[in-house]
C-alpha atoms as a PDB file:
ATOM      1  CA  UNK A   1       0.000   0.000   0.000  1.00  0.00           C
ATOM      2  CA  UNK A   2       1.364   3.397  -0.985  1.00  0.00           C
ATOM      3  CA  UNK A   3       1.378   6.056   1.743  1.00  0.00           C
ATOM      4  CA  UNK A   4      -1.243   8.821   1.260  1.00  0.00           C
ATOM      5  CA  UNK A   5       1.270  11.242  -0.245  1.00  0.00           C
ATOM      6  CA  UNK A   6       2.000   8.801  -3.052  1.00  0.00           C
ATOM      7  CA  UNK A   7      -1.528   7.798  -4.023  1.00  0.00           C
ATOM      8  CA  UNK A   8      -2.411   8.487  -7.621  1.00  0.00           C
ATOM      9  CA  UNK A   9      -5.251  10.987  -8.112  1.00  0.00           C
ATOM     10  CA  UNK A  10      -7.060  10.247 -11.392  1.00  0.00           C
ATOM     11  CA  UNK A  11      -9.450  12.742 -12.934  1.00  0.00           C
ATOM     12  CA  UNK A  12      -7.799  15.738 -11.309  1.00  0.00           C
ATOM     13  CA  UNK A  13      -7.655  18.992 -13.219  1.00  0.00           C
ATOM     14  CA  UNK A  14      -3.974  19.923 -13.599  1.00  0.00           C
ATOM     15  CA  UNK A  15      -2.816  23.523 -13.474  1.00  0.00           C
ATOM     16  CA  UNK A  16       0.066  23.998 -15.865  1.00  0.00           C
ATOM     17  CA  UNK A  17       2.520  26.890 -15.915  1.00  0.00           C
ATOM     18  CA  UNK A  18       5.019  26.757 -18.742  1.00  0.00           C
ATOM     19  CA  UNK A  19       8.311  28.579 -19.019  1.00  0.00           C
ATOM     20  CA  UNK A  20       8.752  30.391 -22.324  1.00  0.00           C
ATOM     21  CA  UNK A  21      12.074  30.369 -24.176  1.00  0.00           C
ATOM     22  CA  UNK A  22      13.493  33.757 -25.169  1.00  0.00           C
ATOM     23  CA  UNK A  23      14.452  33.115 -28.837  1.00  0.00           C
ATOM     24  CA  UNK A  24      17.338  34.777 -30.630  1.00  0.00           C
ATOM     25  CA  UNK A  25      17.771  36.215 -34.112  1.00  0.00           C
ATOM     26  CA  UNK A  26      20.814  35.372 -36.316  1.00  0.00           C
ATOM     27  CA  UNK A  27      22.711  38.351 -34.856  1.00  0.00           C
ATOM     28  CA  UNK A  28      22.018  37.146 -31.282  1.00  0.00           C
ATOM     29  CA  UNK A  29      19.537  39.944 -30.597  1.00  0.00           C
ATOM     30  CA  UNK A  30      16.160  38.985 -29.095  1.00  0.00           C
ATOM     31  CA  UNK A  31      13.683  37.771 -31.715  1.00  0.00           C
ATOM     32  CA  UNK A  32      10.668  39.581 -30.294  1.00  0.00           C
ATOM     33  CA  UNK A  33       8.353  38.435 -33.061  1.00  0.00           C
ATOM     34  CA  UNK A  34       9.025  34.764 -32.342  1.00  0.00           C
ATOM     35  CA  UNK A  35       8.752  35.461 -28.622  1.00  0.00           C
ATOM     36  CA  UNK A  36       5.266  36.869 -29.111  1.00  0.00           C
ATOM     37  CA  UNK A  37       4.332  33.753 -31.061  1.00  0.00           C
ATOM     38  CA  UNK A  38       5.584  31.459 -28.301  1.00  0.00           C
ATOM     39  CA  UNK A  39       3.642  33.426 -25.692  1.00  0.00           C
ATOM     40  CA  UNK A  40       0.442  33.264 -27.709  1.00  0.00           C
ATOM     41  CA  UNK A  41       0.795  29.536 -28.391  1.00  0.00           C
ATOM     42  CA  UNK A  42       1.391  28.816 -24.717  1.00  0.00           C
ATOM     43  CA  UNK A  43      -1.669  30.774 -23.655  1.00  0.00           C
ATOM     44  CA  UNK A  44      -3.854  29.356 -26.446  1.00  0.00           C
ATOM     45  CA  UNK A  45      -2.868  25.845 -25.332  1.00  0.00           C
ATOM     46  CA  UNK A  46      -4.363  26.643 -21.916  1.00  0.00           C
ATOM     47  CA  UNK A  47      -1.112  26.984 -19.973  1.00  0.00           C
ATOM     48  CA  UNK A  48       0.040  30.003 -17.969  1.00  0.00           C
ATOM     49  CA  UNK A  49       3.209  31.521 -19.508  1.00  0.00           C
ATOM     50  CA  UNK A  50       6.144  31.833 -17.104  1.00  0.00           C
ATOM     51  CA  UNK A  51       8.644  34.481 -18.191  1.00  0.00           C
ATOM     52  CA  UNK A  52      11.968  35.805 -16.946  1.00  0.00           C
ATOM     53  CA  UNK A  53      12.685  32.341 -15.616  1.00  0.00           C
ATOM     54  CA  UNK A  54      15.802  30.218 -16.200  1.00  0.00           C
ATOM     55  CA  UNK A  55      14.386  29.153 -19.592  1.00  0.00           C
ATOM     56  CA  UNK A  56      14.231  32.834 -20.518  1.00  0.00           C
ATOM     57  CA  UNK A  57      17.880  33.441 -19.495  1.00  0.00           C
ATOM     58  CA  UNK A  58      16.796  35.724 -16.645  1.00  0.00           C
ATOM     59  CA  UNK A  59      20.217  35.520 -14.966  1.00  0.00           C
ATOM     60  CA  UNK A  60      21.871  36.719 -18.193  1.00  0.00           C
ATOM     61  CA  UNK A  61      19.584  39.621 -19.091  1.00  0.00           C
ATOM     62  CA  UNK A  62      20.086  43.308 -18.358  1.00  0.00           C
ATOM     63  CA  UNK A  63      17.404  45.363 -16.651  1.00  0.00           C
ATOM     64  CA  UNK A  64      16.055  46.890 -19.870  1.00  0.00           C
ATOM     65  CA  UNK A  65      15.610  43.495 -21.515  1.00  0.00           C
ATOM     66  CA  UNK A  66      13.878  42.025 -18.458  1.00  0.00           C
ATOM     67  CA  UNK A  67      11.523  45.009 -18.456  1.00  0.00           C
ATOM     68  CA  UNK A  68      10.766  44.590 -22.160  1.00  0.00           C
ATOM     69  CA  UNK A  69      10.030  40.896 -21.584  1.00  0.00           C
ATOM     70  CA  UNK A  70       7.408  41.901 -19.019  1.00  0.00           C
ATOM     71  CA  UNK A  71       5.891  44.594 -21.218  1.00  0.00           C
ATOM     72  CA  UNK A  72       5.741  42.325 -24.263  1.00  0.00           C
ATOM     73  CA  UNK A  73       4.225  39.518 -22.196  1.00  0.00           C
ATOM     74  CA  UNK A  74       1.549  41.845 -20.831  1.00  0.00           C
ATOM     75  CA  UNK A  75       0.734  43.052 -24.348  1.00  0.00           C
ATOM     76  CA  UNK A  76       0.252  39.489 -25.623  1.00  0.00           C
ATOM     77  CA  UNK A  77      -1.433  37.683 -22.704  1.00  0.00           C
ATOM     78  CA  UNK A  78      -2.648  40.451 -20.382  1.00  0.00           C
ATOM     79  CA  UNK A  79      -2.290  39.559 -16.708  1.00  0.00           C
ATOM     80  CA  UNK A  80      -2.338  35.778 -17.269  1.00  0.00           C
ATOM     81  CA  UNK A  81       1.347  35.153 -16.562  1.00  0.00           C
ATOM     82  CA  UNK A  82       3.895  34.475 -13.856  1.00  0.00           C
ATOM     83  CA  UNK A  83       7.386  35.954 -13.870  1.00  0.00           C
ATOM     84  CA  UNK A  84      10.646  35.492 -12.051  1.00  0.00           C
ATOM     85  CA  UNK A  85      11.637  38.220  -9.588  1.00  0.00           C
ATOM     86  CA  UNK A  86      15.392  37.751  -9.904  1.00  0.00           C
ATOM     87  CA  UNK A  87      17.975  39.645  -7.851  1.00  0.00           C
ATOM     88  CA  UNK A  88      21.499  39.428  -9.228  1.00  0.00           C
ATOM     89  CA  UNK A  89      24.004  39.377  -6.366  1.00  0.00           C
ATOM     90  CA  UNK A  90      27.354  37.852  -5.509  1.00  0.00           C
ATOM     91  CA  UNK A  91      28.430  35.001  -3.253  1.00  0.00           C
ATOM     92  CA  UNK A  92      28.397  36.188   0.335  1.00  0.00           C
ATOM     93  CA  UNK A  93      25.764  38.861  -0.288  1.00  0.00           C
ATOM     94  CA  UNK A  94      23.155  39.558   2.371  1.00  0.00           C
ATOM     95  CA  UNK A  95      19.407  39.077   1.847  1.00  0.00           C
ATOM     96  CA  UNK A  96      18.114  42.307   0.302  1.00  0.00           C
ATOM     97  CA  UNK A  97      14.360  42.718   0.801  1.00  0.00           C
ATOM     98  CA  UNK A  98      14.219  46.082  -0.975  1.00  0.00           C
ATOM     99  CA  UNK A  99      15.974  44.690  -4.053  1.00  0.00           C
ATOM    100  CA  UNK A 100      13.354  41.932  -4.285  1.00  0.00           C
ATOM    101  CA  UNK A 101      10.523  44.434  -3.929  1.00  0.00           C
ATOM    102  CA  UNK A 102      12.002  46.437  -6.814  1.00  0.00           C
ATOM    103  CA  UNK A 103      11.926  43.288  -8.973  1.00  0.00           C
ATOM    104  CA  UNK A 104       8.417  42.362  -7.866  1.00  0.00           C
ATOM    105  CA  UNK A 105       6.815  45.761  -8.522  1.00  0.00           C
ATOM    106  CA  UNK A 106       6.959  45.723 -12.357  1.00  0.00           C
ATOM    107  CA  UNK A 107       5.507  42.189 -12.377  1.00  0.00           C
ATOM    108  CA  UNK A 108       2.669  42.924  -9.984  1.00  0.00           C
ATOM    109  CA  UNK A 109       1.873  46.265 -11.617  1.00  0.00           C
ATOM    110  CA  UNK A 110       1.179  44.426 -14.871  1.00  0.00           C
ATOM    111  CA  UNK A 111      -1.060  41.904 -13.115  1.00  0.00           C
ATOM    112  CA  UNK A 112       1.496  39.086 -13.166  1.00  0.00           C
ATOM    113  CA  UNK A 113       2.232  36.682 -10.334  1.00  0.00           C
ATOM    114  CA  UNK A 114       5.833  37.025  -9.050  1.00  0.00           C
ATOM    115  CA  UNK A 115       8.041  33.973  -8.540  1.00  0.00           C
ATOM    116  CA  UNK A 116      10.643  34.678  -5.844  1.00  0.00           C
ATOM    117  CA  UNK A 117      13.794  33.545  -7.621  1.00  0.00           C
ATOM    118  CA  UNK A 118      16.697  32.231  -5.539  1.00  0.00           C
ATOM    119  CA  UNK A 119      19.767  34.392  -5.014  1.00  0.00           C
ATOM    120  CA  UNK A 120      22.994  34.166  -3.043  1.00  0.00           C
ATOM    121  CA  UNK A 121      21.543  36.373  -0.328  1.00  0.00           C
ATOM    122  CA  UNK A 122      18.190  34.613  -0.044  1.00  0.00           C
ATOM    123  CA  UNK A 123      19.556  31.077  -0.199  1.00  0.00           C
ATOM    124  CA  UNK A 124      22.375  31.884   2.184  1.00  0.00           C
ATOM    125  CA  UNK A 125      19.752  32.052   4.944  1.00  0.00           C
ATOM    126  CA  UNK A 126      18.939  29.073   7.140  1.00  0.00           C
ATOM    127  CA  UNK A 127      15.498  27.494   6.839  1.00  0.00           C
ATOM    128  CA  UNK A 128      13.717  29.613   9.441  1.00  0.00           C
ATOM    129  CA  UNK A 129      15.210  32.838   8.098  1.00  0.00           C
ATOM    130  CA  UNK A 130      14.410  31.809   4.503  1.00  0.00           C
ATOM    131  CA  UNK A 131      10.737  31.380   5.388  1.00  0.00           C
ATOM    132  CA  UNK A 132      10.949  34.594   7.402  1.00  0.00           C
ATOM    133  CA  UNK A 133      12.238  36.470   4.361  1.00  0.00           C
ATOM    134  CA  UNK A 134       9.123  35.415   2.441  1.00  0.00           C
ATOM    135  CA  UNK A 135       6.979  36.567   5.352  1.00  0.00           C
ATOM    136  CA  UNK A 136       8.709  39.950   5.146  1.00  0.00           C
ATOM    137  CA  UNK A 137       7.849  40.199   1.443  1.00  0.00           C
ATOM    138  CA  UNK A 138       4.246  39.327   2.258  1.00  0.00           C
ATOM    139  CA  UNK A 139       3.902  42.614   4.108  1.00  0.00           C
ATOM    140  CA  UNK A 140       4.018  44.410   0.748  1.00  0.00           C
ATOM    141  CA  UNK A 141       3.082  41.744  -1.828  1.00  0.00           C
ATOM    142  CA  UNK A 142      -0.464  40.385  -2.120  1.00  0.00           C
ATOM    143  CA  UNK A 143       0.373  37.110  -3.924  1.00  0.00           C
ATOM    144  CA  UNK A 144       3.571  35.341  -4.883  1.00  0.00           C
ATOM    145  CA  UNK A 145       5.121  31.941  -5.570  1.00  0.00           C
ATOM    146  CA  UNK A 146       8.194  30.715  -3.680  1.00  0.00           C
ATOM    147  CA  UNK A 147      10.931  28.741  -5.423  1.00  0.00           C
ATOM    148  CA  UNK A 148      13.189  25.918  -4.248  1.00  0.00           C
ATOM    149  CA  UNK A 149      15.878  25.374  -6.885  1.00  0.00           C
ATOM    150  CA  UNK A 150      18.573  22.713  -6.733  1.00  0.00           C
ATOM    151  CA  UNK A 151      22.255  23.468  -7.175  1.00  0.00           C
ATOM    152  CA  UNK A 152      22.297  21.451 -10.424  1.00  0.00           C
ATOM    153  CA  UNK A 153      20.520  24.422 -12.043  1.00  0.00           C
ATOM    154  CA  UNK A 154      22.374  27.366 -10.453  1.00  0.00           C
ATOM    155  CA  UNK A 155      25.318  27.457  -8.016  1.00  0.00           C
ATOM    156  CA  UNK A 156      23.292  29.373  -5.412  1.00  0.00           C
ATOM    157  CA  UNK A 157      20.356  26.966  -5.524  1.00  0.00           C
ATOM    158  CA  UNK A 158      19.204  25.312  -2.319  1.00  0.00           C
ATOM    159  CA  UNK A 159      16.499  22.873  -1.187  1.00  0.00           C
ATOM    160  CA  UNK A 160      15.204  23.410   2.341  1.00  0.00           C
ATOM    161  CA  UNK A 161      13.903  20.961   4.952  1.00  0.00           C
ATOM    162  CA  UNK A 162      10.238  20.309   5.729  1.00  0.00           C
ATOM    163  CA  UNK A 163      10.247  22.607   8.762  1.00  0.00           C
ATOM    164  CA  UNK A 164      11.087  25.532   6.496  1.00  0.00           C
ATOM    165  CA  UNK A 165       8.486  24.396   3.958  1.00  0.00           C
ATOM    166  CA  UNK A 166       5.834  24.178   6.675  1.00  0.00           C
ATOM    167  CA  UNK A 167       6.661  27.725   7.745  1.00  0.00           C
ATOM    168  CA  UNK A 168       6.194  28.795   4.124  1.00  0.00           C
ATOM    169  CA  UNK A 169       2.717  27.250   4.102  1.00  0.00           C
ATOM    170  CA  UNK A 170       1.742  29.516   6.992  1.00  0.00           C
ATOM    171  CA  UNK A 171       2.126  32.650   4.820  1.00  0.00           C
ATOM    172  CA  UNK A 172      -1.274  33.337   3.168  1.00  0.00           C
ATOM    173  CA  UNK A 173       0.220  35.549   0.457  1.00  0.00           C
ATOM    174  CA  UNK A 174       2.438  32.673  -0.673  1.00  0.00           C
ATOM    175  CA  UNK A 175       0.011  30.795  -2.931  1.00  0.00           C
ATOM    176  CA  UNK A 176       2.428  28.065  -3.977  1.00  0.00           C
ATOM    177  CA  UNK A 177       6.032  27.019  -4.441  1.00  0.00           C
ATOM    178  CA  UNK A 178       7.980  25.659  -7.372  1.00  0.00           C
ATOM    179  CA  UNK A 179      10.029  22.651  -6.285  1.00  0.00           C
ATOM    180  CA  UNK A 180      13.056  21.827  -8.442  1.00  0.00           C
ATOM    181  CA  UNK A 181      15.085  19.269  -6.529  1.00  0.00           C
ATOM    182  CA  UNK A 182      14.616  16.554  -9.205  1.00  0.00           C
ATOM    183  CA  UNK A 183      13.685  14.255  -6.296  1.00  0.00           C
ATOM    184  CA  UNK A 184      10.370  12.419  -6.165  1.00  0.00           C
ATOM    185  CA  UNK A 185      10.789  11.650  -2.464  1.00  0.00           C
ATOM    186  CA  UNK A 186      11.235  15.284  -1.459  1.00  0.00           C
ATOM    187  CA  UNK A 187       8.270  16.327  -3.561  1.00  0.00           C
ATOM    188  CA  UNK A 188       6.052  13.543  -2.184  1.00  0.00           C
ATOM    189  CA  UNK A 189       6.895  14.786   1.312  1.00  0.00           C
ATOM    190  CA  UNK A 190       5.801  18.280   0.335  1.00  0.00           C
ATOM    191  CA  UNK A 191       2.545  17.011  -1.122  1.00  0.00           C
ATOM    192  CA  UNK A 192       1.742  15.155   2.105  1.00  0.00           C
ATOM    193  CA  UNK A 193       2.485  18.245   4.174  1.00  0.00           C
ATOM    194  CA  UNK A 194       0.420  20.429   1.826  1.00  0.00           C
ATOM    195  CA  UNK A 195      -2.554  18.049   2.037  1.00  0.00           C
ATOM    196  CA  UNK A 196      -2.388  18.092   5.832  1.00  0.00           C
ATOM    197  CA  UNK A 197      -1.748  21.782   6.432  1.00  0.00           C
ATOM    198  CA  UNK A 198      -3.027  23.805   3.456  1.00  0.00           C
ATOM    199  CA  UNK A 199      -4.821  21.950   0.647  1.00  0.00           C
ATOM    200  CA  UNK A 200      -5.179  25.038  -1.582  1.00  0.00           C
ATOM    201  CA  UNK A 201      -1.383  25.553  -1.747  1.00  0.00           C
ATOM    202  CA  UNK A 202       0.144  24.840  -5.168  1.00  0.00           C
ATOM    203  CA  UNK A 203       3.013  22.358  -5.153  1.00  0.00           C
ATOM    204  CA  UNK A 204       4.465  23.203  -8.568  1.00  0.00           C
ATOM    205  CA  UNK A 205       6.755  20.455  -9.743  1.00  0.00           C
ATOM    206  CA  UNK A 206       9.891  21.565 -11.491  1.00  0.00           C
ATOM    207  CA  UNK A 207      11.052  17.975 -11.902  1.00  0.00           C
ATOM    208  CA  UNK A 208      11.651  17.648 -15.620  1.00  0.00           C
ATOM    209  CA  UNK A 209      12.819  14.063 -15.005  1.00  0.00           C
ATOM    210  CA  UNK A 210       9.525  13.008 -13.384  1.00  0.00           C
ATOM    211  CA  UNK A 211       6.742  14.928 -15.096  1.00  0.00           C
ATOM    212  CA  UNK A 212       4.228  12.301 -13.935  1.00  0.00           C
ATOM    213  CA  UNK A 213       4.301  13.948 -10.498  1.00  0.00           C
ATOM    214  CA  UNK A 214       1.029  15.509 -11.650  1.00  0.00           C
ATOM    215  CA  UNK A 215      -0.534  12.066 -11.103  1.00  0.00           C
ATOM    216  CA  UNK A 216       0.133  12.416  -7.364  1.00  0.00           C
ATOM    217  CA  UNK A 217      -1.246  15.923  -6.848  1.00  0.00           C
ATOM    218  CA  UNK A 218       1.459  18.278  -8.052  1.00  0.00           C
ATOM    219  CA  UNK A 219       0.750  20.997 -10.555  1.00  0.00           C
ATOM    220  CA  UNK A 220       3.701  22.235 -12.596  1.00  0.00           C
ATOM    221  CA  UNK A 221       5.966  25.077 -13.586  1.00  0.00           C
ATOM    222  CA  UNK A 222       8.358  23.433 -15.998  1.00  0.00           C
ATOM    223  CA  UNK A 223      11.085  24.344 -18.436  1.00  0.00           C
ATOM    224  CA  UNK A 224      10.373  21.179 -20.417  1.00  0.00           C
ATOM    225  CA  UNK A 225       6.872  22.322 -21.364  1.00  0.00           C
ATOM    226  CA  UNK A 226       8.486  25.224 -23.278  1.00  0.00           C
ATOM    227  CA  UNK A 227       9.369  22.640 -25.962  1.00  0.00           C
ATOM    228  CA  UNK A 228       5.754  21.616 -26.631  1.00  0.00           C
ATOM    229  CA  UNK A 229       3.075  23.449 -24.618  1.00  0.00           C
ATOM    230  CA  UNK A 230       0.273  22.043 -26.790  1.00  0.00           C
ATOM    231  CA  UNK A 231       1.395  18.486 -26.061  1.00  0.00           C
ATOM    232  CA  UNK A 232       1.516  19.147 -22.324  1.00  0.00           C
ATOM    233  CA  UNK A 233      -1.946  20.699 -22.401  1.00  0.00           C
ATOM    234  CA  UNK A 234      -3.274  17.703 -24.366  1.00  0.00           C
ATOM    235  CA  UNK A 235      -1.702  15.330 -21.828  1.00  0.00           C
ATOM    236  CA  UNK A 236      -3.312  17.245 -18.957  1.00  0.00           C
ATOM    237  CA  UNK A 237      -6.757  17.023 -20.555  1.00  0.00           C
ATOM    238  CA  UNK A 238      -6.340  13.277 -21.002  1.00  0.00           C
ATOM    239  CA  UNK A 239      -5.581  12.894 -17.294  1.00  0.00           C
ATOM    240  CA  UNK A 240      -8.649  14.904 -16.318  1.00  0.00           C
ATOM    241  CA  UNK A 241     -10.822  12.685 -18.563  1.00  0.00           C
ATOM    242  CA  UNK A 242      -9.149   9.533 -17.194  1.00  0.00           C
ATOM    243  CA  UNK A 243      -8.191   8.658 -20.749  1.00  0.00           C
ATOM    244  CA  UNK A 244      -5.452   5.967 -20.840  1.00  0.00           C
ATOM    245  CA  UNK A 245      -3.828   7.700 -23.811  1.00  0.00           C
ATOM    246  CA  UNK A 246      -2.328   9.980 -21.150  1.00  0.00           C
ATOM    247  CA  UNK A 247       0.372   7.409 -20.461  1.00  0.00           C
ATOM    248  CA  UNK A 248       1.737   7.075 -23.979  1.00  0.00           C
ATOM    249  CA  UNK A 249       1.872  10.840 -24.486  1.00  0.00           C
ATOM    250  CA  UNK A 250       3.464  11.328 -21.075  1.00  0.00           C
ATOM    251  CA  UNK A 251       6.078   8.676 -21.913  1.00  0.00           C
ATOM    252  CA  UNK A 252       7.205  10.533 -25.033  1.00  0.00           C
ATOM    253  CA  UNK A 253       7.323  13.855 -23.205  1.00  0.00           C
ATOM    254  CA  UNK A 254       9.333  12.213 -20.427  1.00  0.00           C
ATOM    255  CA  UNK A 255      11.777  10.800 -22.964  1.00  0.00           C
ATOM    256  CA  UNK A 256      12.236  14.361 -24.230  1.00  0.00           C
ATOM    257  CA  UNK A 257      12.824  15.540 -20.655  1.00  0.00           C
ATOM    258  CA  UNK A 258      15.388  12.862 -19.853  1.00  0.00           C
ATOM    259  CA  UNK A 259      17.277  13.635 -23.055  1.00  0.00           C
ATOM    260  CA  UNK A 260      17.185  17.432 -22.836  1.00  0.00           C
ATOM    261  CA  UNK A 261      17.866  17.680 -19.093  1.00  0.00           C
ATOM    262  CA  UNK A 262      20.956  15.488 -19.023  1.00  0.00           C
ATOM    263  CA  UNK A 263      24.181  17.008 -17.735  1.00  0.00           C
ATOM    264  CA  UNK A 264      25.040  19.830 -17.974  1.00  0.00           C
ATOM    265  CA  UNK A 265      21.421  20.544 -17.077  1.00  0.00           C
ATOM    266  CA  UNK A 266      21.401  24.269 -18.044  1.00  0.00           C
ATOM    267  CA  UNK A 267      22.137  23.281 -21.667  1.00  0.00           C
ATOM    268  CA  UNK A 268      18.505  22.145 -21.986  1.00  0.00           C
ATOM    269  CA  UNK A 269      17.776  25.645 -23.299  1.00  0.00           C
ATOM    270  CA  UNK A 270      19.820  24.917 -26.416  1.00  0.00           C
ATOM    271  CA  UNK A 271      17.828  21.726 -26.959  1.00  0.00           C
ATOM    272  CA  UNK A 272      14.649  23.794 -26.566  1.00  0.00           C
ATOM    273  CA  UNK A 273      15.833  26.205 -29.241  1.00  0.00           C
ATOM    274  CA  UNK A 274      16.723  23.345 -31.592  1.00  0.00           C
ATOM    275  CA  UNK A 275      13.402  21.599 -30.968  1.00  0.00           C
ATOM    276  CA  UNK A 276      11.318  24.724 -31.557  1.00  0.00           C
ATOM    277  CA  UNK A 277      13.335  25.603 -34.649  1.00  0.00           C
ATOM    278  CA  UNK A 278      12.878  22.111 -36.090  1.00  0.00           C
ATOM    279  CA  UNK A 279       9.111  22.535 -35.667  1.00  0.00           C
ATOM    280  CA  UNK A 280       9.103  25.944 -37.355  1.00  0.00           C
ATOM    281  CA  UNK A 281       8.156  27.841 -34.189  1.00  0.00           C
ATOM    282  CA  UNK A 282      11.205  30.145 -34.057  1.00  0.00           C
ATOM    283  CA  UNK A 283      13.545  31.563 -36.696  1.00  0.00           C
ATOM    284  CA  UNK A 284      16.860  30.159 -35.415  1.00  0.00           C
ATOM    285  CA  UNK A 285      18.158  27.600 -32.950  1.00  0.00           C
ATOM    286  CA  UNK A 286      20.673  30.023 -31.477  1.00  0.00           C
ATOM    287  CA  UNK A 287      20.986  30.319 -27.726  1.00  0.00           C
ATOM    288  CA  UNK A 288      22.345  33.060 -25.495  1.00  0.00           C
ATOM    289  CA  UNK A 289      26.110  33.463 -26.094  1.00  0.00           C
ATOM    290  CA  UNK A 290      26.841  32.849 -22.403  1.00  0.00           C
ATOM    291  CA  UNK A 291      24.622  29.766 -22.101  1.00  0.00           C
ATOM    292  CA  UNK A 292      26.015  26.206 -22.466  1.00  0.00           C
ATOM    293  CA  UNK A 293      25.535  24.455 -25.805  1.00  0.00           C
ATOM    294  CA  UNK A 294      24.556  20.959 -26.951  1.00  0.00           C
ATOM    295  CA  UNK A 295      26.231  19.010 -29.776  1.00  0.00           C
ATOM    296  CA  UNK A 296      24.802  19.203 -33.288  1.00  0.00           C
ATOM    297  CA  UNK A 297      23.905  15.506 -33.061  1.00  0.00           C
ATOM    298  CA  UNK A 298      21.058  16.337 -30.673  1.00  0.00           C
ATOM    299  CA  UNK A 299      18.994  17.535 -33.630  1.00  0.00           C
ATOM    300  CA  UNK A 300      18.428  14.033 -34.989  1.00  0.00           C
ATOM    301  CA  UNK A 301      17.104  12.780 -31.650  1.00  0.00           C
ATOM    302  CA  UNK A 302      14.914  15.858 -31.196  1.00  0.00           C
ATOM    303  CA  UNK A 303      13.501  15.450 -34.685  1.00  0.00           C
ATOM    304  CA  UNK A 304      12.508  11.853 -33.905  1.00  0.00           C
ATOM    305  CA  UNK A 305      10.824  12.909 -30.664  1.00  0.00           C
ATOM    306  CA  UNK A 306       8.989  15.731 -32.449  1.00  0.00           C
ATOM    307  CA  UNK A 307       7.598  13.302 -35.000  1.00  0.00           C
ATOM    308  CA  UNK A 308       6.345  10.984 -32.229  1.00  0.00           C
ATOM    309  CA  UNK A 309       4.638  13.878 -30.472  1.00  0.00           C
ATOM    310  CA  UNK A 310       2.946  15.072 -33.625  1.00  0.00           C
ATOM    311  CA  UNK A 311       1.478  11.610 -34.080  1.00  0.00           C
ATOM    312  CA  UNK A 312       0.036  11.621 -30.548  1.00  0.00           C
ATOM    313  CA  UNK A 313      -0.916  15.185 -29.621  1.00  0.00           C
END
C-alpha cells in the first residue's frame, strides 16, 4: 500500500505553468516576433506563460531586456502570466528585501504573479530565516510563488527541509512554491504536508525528469513544457478525462525531458531552441552566447521525438 502522499489521483484537473524560451535572431539579438508567437501559443494551449525564468535566461539579461520581456508579455497575454523576480548578487551577499521588492513591482503592476527567484543572499539564509524572508515580502506583496531550486541548475540553488516548507505554508500571500530538486521523495513529502496543512497551496513540480508527479497531486511550472506546450496541455486534458492515452503521451514527453535535461542541465535551453526551430516555431536555434551548448547531433534525436509527439498530440 502506498502512503497517502504517493496515491495516484485520477481525474484531477492539472494547473500547468510553462516557461517560455526567449528566442534569438541570427545576430544574437532577441527575436521579439518569435517570442510573441511562443507566448500566444502557450496561452492558447491553456497553460500560464512563465517568463523571466531560467528558460528565458533571466540571470543573463540586463534590466532593460527584463523590463521589455514583461511589457511584451503583458501586451500578448494580459495579466495571465507568472514571472521570475530575480535579484542578481554575488556570493556572500546579504538578503536584500528592498531589491526583491524592486523586482516584484513591475511584475505585480502588470497583473502578473511574481516567482521569488533564488539568489545568493536569499539562499544563504537558514530554513527559518528563509521562510521569514518570504513573510517579510508578504507585508508588501499580495500574492507570490516561492521557489526551491537545486544546485544542479544554479550554483546558489538550495532545497530546504520540511520545517522551512511548513513555515512557508503559513504565509497566506504565498500561494504556492515551485520545487526543483529533481527528487520524487522530497516532492512527495511536500505534497503530504500540503494536504495536511493547506490543501489550496500549489506544489508546482519543477522535476523535468519526473513529469508524472502531476498524477500524485502536483501541478507544474516546468522548463520542459516550453518545448511543446500544446502536447503538455493535451496530456493534462487526457488525465482529467481519465483517458489511458495519457500514459503514452506522457512517456514521449518524459523521454524528451530525460534527453534534454541530461548534464550539464542548463544546456537544456539549447535543446529547446533546436526543438522549436525544427518545428518551425522560431527563426533560429541560437541560444544566449553565455549559455552552455549541446552538440549538433542532438537535432536528430529531437527530430525523432517531435515526429512521435505530432502523431500523438
